[in-house]
Amino acid sequence: MIKTLSSHGNSAALIIDKPILELLEITINTPLKIITDGKSIIISPVKEPDREERFQSALEKVNSNHGETLQKLGE
């Protein structure tokens, strides 16, 4: 699918068709994460806004409790 940007005030907007929104379970209120690698734009719905925070917390706990063992396993 090829899309073009639309003017929206001083910004540009991308219109996402309803079938794509439904497929990804995105509504007008769904937060979207926008990242780029310098060549492409990747837009993803954020289903659980605190998921990254919970993951980092769990990772820190595992490293705190088992970091030395994991380090030895990696050698």
Protein backbone atom coordinates (compact mmCIF):
# COMPACT_ATOMS: atom_id res chain seq x y z
CA MET A 1 0.00 0.00 0.00
CA ILE A 2 1.37 3.41 -0.95
CA LYS A 3 0.22 6.40 1.11
CA THR A 4 0.99 10.11 1.02
CA LEU A 5 1.03 12.55 3.90
CA SER A 6 -1.73 15.10 4.45
CA SER A 7 -1.28 18.60 5.82
CA HIS A 8 -2.44 19.05 9.40
CA GLY A 9 -1.69 22.55 10.65
CA ASN A 10 2.10 22.94 10.60
CA SER A 11 2.57 19.17 10.66
CA ALA A 12 2.04 16.21 8.35
CA ALA A 13 -0.45 13.42 9.06
CA LEU A 14 -0.63 9.84 7.85
CA ILE A 15 -4.15 8.48 7.42
CA ILE A 16 -4.38 4.82 8.43
CA ASP A 17 -7.23 2.92 6.80
CA LYS A 18 -9.89 1.33 9.00
CA PRO A 19 -9.10 -2.31 8.02
CA ILE A 20 -5.50 -1.84 9.21
CA LEU A 21 -6.67 -0.23 12.45
CA GLU A 22 -9.05 -3.14 13.04
CA LEU A 23 -6.38 -5.74 12.21
CA LEU A 24 -3.98 -4.21 14.76
CA GLU A 25 -6.75 -3.48 17.25
CA ILE A 26 -5.89 0.23 17.23
CA THR A 27 -8.44 2.84 18.22
CA ILE A 28 -8.19 6.62 18.23
CA ASN A 29 -7.09 6.36 21.90
CA THR A 30 -4.40 3.68 21.45
CA PRO A 31 -0.92 5.03 22.23
CA LEU A 32 1.49 4.50 19.34
CA LYS A 33 5.25 4.05 19.53
CA ILE A 34 7.12 5.66 16.62
CA ILE A 35 10.74 4.70 15.99
CA THR A 36 13.13 5.07 13.08
CA ASP A 37 16.38 3.56 11.95
CA GLY A 38 17.15 6.65 9.90
CA LYS A 39 15.64 5.18 6.72
CA SER A 40 12.23 3.84 7.78
CA ILE A 41 9.47 4.75 10.20
CA ILE A 42 8.00 2.00 12.35
CA ILE A 43 4.68 2.67 14.08
CA SER A 44 3.50 0.12 16.65
CA PRO A 45 0.54 0.09 19.03
CA VAL A 46 1.47 0.13 22.71
CA LYS A 47 -0.80 -2.45 24.31
CA GLU A 48 0.74 -2.33 27.78
CA PRO A 49 2.36 1.04 28.48
CA ASP A 50 4.13 -0.25 31.60
CA ARG A 51 5.39 -3.48 30.02
CA GLU A 52 8.93 -2.16 29.41
CA GLU A 53 9.11 -0.86 32.97
CA ARG A 54 8.02 -4.23 34.39
CA PHE A 55 10.51 -6.05 32.15
CA GLN A 56 13.41 -3.83 33.27
CA SER A 57 12.43 -4.34 36.90
CA ALA A 58 12.35 -8.12 36.48
CA LEU A 59 15.69 -8.06 34.63
CA GLU A 60 17.32 -6.05 37.41
CA LYS A 61 15.99 -8.50 40.01
CA VAL A 62 17.34 -11.53 38.10
CA ASN A 63 20.71 -9.85 37.61
CA SER A 64 20.84 -8.88 41.27
CA ASN A 65 20.05 -12.41 42.46
CA HIS A 66 21.86 -14.44 39.78
CA GLY A 67 24.21 -12.06 37.95
CA GLU A 68 27.40 -13.75 39.13
CA THR A 69 26.15 -17.19 38.09
CA LEU A 70 24.98 -15.89 34.71
CA GLN A 71 28.36 -14.23 34.18
CA LYS A 72 30.16 -17.52 34.87
CA LEU A 73 27.84 -19.37 32.48
CA GLY A 74 28.67 -16.85 29.77
CA GLU A 75 32.42 -17.57 30.02
